[in-house]
């Protein structure tokens, strides 16, 4: 029996990420074979947990917010497939390398 959950709300300092799709063709329109498609190491934040409780009892909030584009480490993250058949990844806040921004903004 398979149960298809449609939504996942991360706990503690975990972040749900939708990774960017690999490029399937070049800027000139040439289709790339699968073995030449590069896995991109960035994605969009879909959901965030509330943060982590420190030893002194205070809550350390997560440093990113929903909608941010983040740079991810080359390895890591836990793959999750939800009811929409999309692949998502769960990372800890500490694993996120940085946020990416449009230089014109």
C-alpha atoms as a PDB file:
ATOM      1  CA  UNK A   1       0.000   0.000   0.000  1.00  0.00           C
ATOM      2  CA  UNK A   2       1.316   3.392  -0.952  1.00  0.00           C
ATOM      3  CA  UNK A   3       0.349   6.624   0.786  1.00  0.00           C
ATOM      4  CA  UNK A   4       0.927   9.814  -1.172  1.00  0.00           C
ATOM      5  CA  UNK A   5       1.425  12.798   1.095  1.00  0.00           C
ATOM      6  CA  UNK A   6       0.927  16.129  -0.594  1.00  0.00           C
ATOM      7  CA  UNK A   7       2.667  18.370   1.907  1.00  0.00           C
ATOM      8  CA  UNK A   8       5.657  18.131   4.193  1.00  0.00           C
ATOM      9  CA  UNK A   9       6.344  20.583   6.992  1.00  0.00           C
ATOM     10  CA  UNK A  10       9.975  20.367   8.152  1.00  0.00           C
ATOM     11  CA  UNK A  11      10.757  20.202  11.855  1.00  0.00           C
ATOM     12  CA  UNK A  12      13.486  21.976  13.802  1.00  0.00           C
ATOM     13  CA  UNK A  13      16.188  23.475  11.550  1.00  0.00           C
ATOM     14  CA  UNK A  14      15.355  21.465   8.440  1.00  0.00           C
ATOM     15  CA  UNK A  15      14.592  22.953   5.026  1.00  0.00           C
ATOM     16  CA  UNK A  16      12.629  21.452   2.109  1.00  0.00           C
ATOM     17  CA  UNK A  17      14.290  22.228  -1.251  1.00  0.00           C
ATOM     18  CA  UNK A  18      13.177  21.757  -4.862  1.00  0.00           C
ATOM     19  CA  UNK A  19      16.427  21.371  -6.815  1.00  0.00           C
ATOM     20  CA  UNK A  20      16.832  23.137 -10.154  1.00  0.00           C
ATOM     21  CA  UNK A  21      16.269  20.938 -13.191  1.00  0.00           C
ATOM     22  CA  UNK A  22      19.400  20.057 -15.198  1.00  0.00           C
ATOM     23  CA  UNK A  23      19.766  21.820 -18.527  1.00  0.00           C
ATOM     24  CA  UNK A  24      18.532  19.631 -21.388  1.00  0.00           C
ATOM     25  CA  UNK A  25      19.690  21.889 -24.220  1.00  0.00           C
ATOM     26  CA  UNK A  26      22.251  24.585 -24.867  1.00  0.00           C
ATOM     27  CA  UNK A  27      21.515  28.276 -25.398  1.00  0.00           C
ATOM     28  CA  UNK A  28      21.757  27.602 -29.136  1.00  0.00           C
ATOM     29  CA  UNK A  29      19.024  24.939 -28.930  1.00  0.00           C
ATOM     30  CA  UNK A  30      21.174  21.810 -29.183  1.00  0.00           C
ATOM     31  CA  UNK A  31      19.724  18.923 -27.141  1.00  0.00           C
ATOM     32  CA  UNK A  32      22.130  17.450 -24.602  1.00  0.00           C
ATOM     33  CA  UNK A  33      22.315  13.678 -24.035  1.00  0.00           C
ATOM     34  CA  UNK A  34      21.617  12.570 -20.443  1.00  0.00           C
ATOM     35  CA  UNK A  35      25.277  11.748 -19.748  1.00  0.00           C
ATOM     36  CA  UNK A  36      26.249  15.373 -20.582  1.00  0.00           C
ATOM     37  CA  UNK A  37      23.550  17.029 -18.469  1.00  0.00           C
ATOM     38  CA  UNK A  38      25.080  18.551 -15.361  1.00  0.00           C
ATOM     39  CA  UNK A  39      23.402  18.190 -11.979  1.00  0.00           C
ATOM     40  CA  UNK A  40      22.893  21.712 -10.670  1.00  0.00           C
ATOM     41  CA  UNK A  41      23.680  22.432  -7.037  1.00  0.00           C
ATOM     42  CA  UNK A  42      21.076  25.056  -6.292  1.00  0.00           C
ATOM     43  CA  UNK A  43      17.375  25.066  -5.653  1.00  0.00           C
ATOM     44  CA  UNK A  44      14.358  26.898  -4.282  1.00  0.00           C
ATOM     45  CA  UNK A  45      13.271  26.781  -0.646  1.00  0.00           C
ATOM     46  CA  UNK A  46       9.759  25.299  -0.470  1.00  0.00           C
ATOM     47  CA  UNK A  47       9.288  25.117   3.319  1.00  0.00           C
ATOM     48  CA  UNK A  48      11.321  25.728   6.481  1.00  0.00           C
ATOM     49  CA  UNK A  49      11.117  24.489  10.041  1.00  0.00           C
ATOM     50  CA  UNK A  50      10.834  26.882  12.991  1.00  0.00           C
ATOM     51  CA  UNK A  51      14.493  26.580  14.011  1.00  0.00           C
ATOM     52  CA  UNK A  52      16.605  24.836  16.611  1.00  0.00           C
ATOM     53  CA  UNK A  53      16.505  25.210  20.369  1.00  0.00           C
ATOM     54  CA  UNK A  54      19.919  26.111  21.747  1.00  0.00           C
ATOM     55  CA  UNK A  55      21.286  24.837  25.064  1.00  0.00           C
ATOM     56  CA  UNK A  56      20.207  28.074  26.769  1.00  0.00           C
ATOM     57  CA  UNK A  57      16.597  27.432  25.675  1.00  0.00           C
ATOM     58  CA  UNK A  58      16.413  30.152  23.036  1.00  0.00           C
ATOM     59  CA  UNK A  59      15.202  29.384  19.532  1.00  0.00           C
ATOM     60  CA  UNK A  60      17.740  29.929  16.743  1.00  0.00           C
ATOM     61  CA  UNK A  61      15.613  30.680  13.689  1.00  0.00           C
ATOM     62  CA  UNK A  62      16.370  29.252  10.261  1.00  0.00           C
ATOM     63  CA  UNK A  63      18.410  31.689   8.149  1.00  0.00           C
ATOM     64  CA  UNK A  64      16.488  31.268   4.866  1.00  0.00           C
ATOM     65  CA  UNK A  65      12.835  31.766   3.971  1.00  0.00           C
ATOM     66  CA  UNK A  66      10.392  30.218   1.531  1.00  0.00           C
ATOM     67  CA  UNK A  67      11.095  31.287  -2.048  1.00  0.00           C
ATOM     68  CA  UNK A  68      14.840  31.893  -1.546  1.00  0.00           C
ATOM     69  CA  UNK A  69      17.235  30.419  -4.096  1.00  0.00           C
ATOM     70  CA  UNK A  70      20.029  28.661  -2.243  1.00  0.00           C
ATOM     71  CA  UNK A  71      23.406  27.145  -3.088  1.00  0.00           C
ATOM     72  CA  UNK A  72      23.609  23.520  -1.949  1.00  0.00           C
ATOM     73  CA  UNK A  73      26.574  21.328  -1.065  1.00  0.00           C
ATOM     74  CA  UNK A  74      27.658  18.830  -3.717  1.00  0.00           C
ATOM     75  CA  UNK A  75      26.615  15.890  -1.532  1.00  0.00           C
ATOM     76  CA  UNK A  76      23.983  15.449   1.141  1.00  0.00           C
ATOM     77  CA  UNK A  77      20.314  15.997   1.646  1.00  0.00           C
ATOM     78  CA  UNK A  78      17.590  13.393   1.988  1.00  0.00           C
ATOM     79  CA  UNK A  79      15.451  12.746  -1.091  1.00  0.00           C
ATOM     80  CA  UNK A  80      11.667  12.803  -0.618  1.00  0.00           C
ATOM     81  CA  UNK A  81       8.967  12.151  -3.228  1.00  0.00           C
ATOM     82  CA  UNK A  82       5.591  13.665  -2.378  1.00  0.00           C
ATOM     83  CA  UNK A  83       2.125  13.067  -3.847  1.00  0.00           C
ATOM     84  CA  UNK A  84       2.795  15.316  -6.838  1.00  0.00           C
ATOM     85  CA  UNK A  85       5.561  12.848  -7.896  1.00  0.00           C
ATOM     86  CA  UNK A  86       8.145  15.665  -7.659  1.00  0.00           C
ATOM     87  CA  UNK A  87      11.514  15.073  -6.007  1.00  0.00           C
ATOM     88  CA  UNK A  88      12.367  17.280  -3.060  1.00  0.00           C
ATOM     89  CA  UNK A  89      15.356  17.262  -0.735  1.00  0.00           C
ATOM     90  CA  UNK A  90      15.619  17.967   2.980  1.00  0.00           C
ATOM     91  CA  UNK A  91      18.716  19.740   4.274  1.00  0.00           C
ATOM     92  CA  UNK A  92      19.654  21.141   7.661  1.00  0.00           C
ATOM     93  CA  UNK A  93      20.017  24.900   7.906  1.00  0.00           C
ATOM     94  CA  UNK A  94      23.742  24.478   8.615  1.00  0.00           C
ATOM     95  CA  UNK A  95      24.214  22.572   5.315  1.00  0.00           C
ATOM     96  CA  UNK A  96      23.046  25.450   3.107  1.00  0.00           C
ATOM     97  CA  UNK A  97      26.112  27.119   1.567  1.00  0.00           C
ATOM     98  CA  UNK A  98      24.487  30.491   0.790  1.00  0.00           C
ATOM     99  CA  UNK A  99      21.687  32.354  -0.947  1.00  0.00           C
ATOM    100  CA  UNK A 100      21.813  33.336  -4.613  1.00  0.00           C
ATOM    101  CA  UNK A 101      20.635  36.748  -5.782  1.00  0.00           C
ATOM    102  CA  UNK A 102      20.164  38.465  -9.118  1.00  0.00           C
ATOM    103  CA  UNK A 103      23.045  40.962  -9.405  1.00  0.00           C
ATOM    104  CA  UNK A 104      20.730  43.574 -10.965  1.00  0.00           C
ATOM    105  CA  UNK A 105      18.497  43.747  -7.877  1.00  0.00           C
END
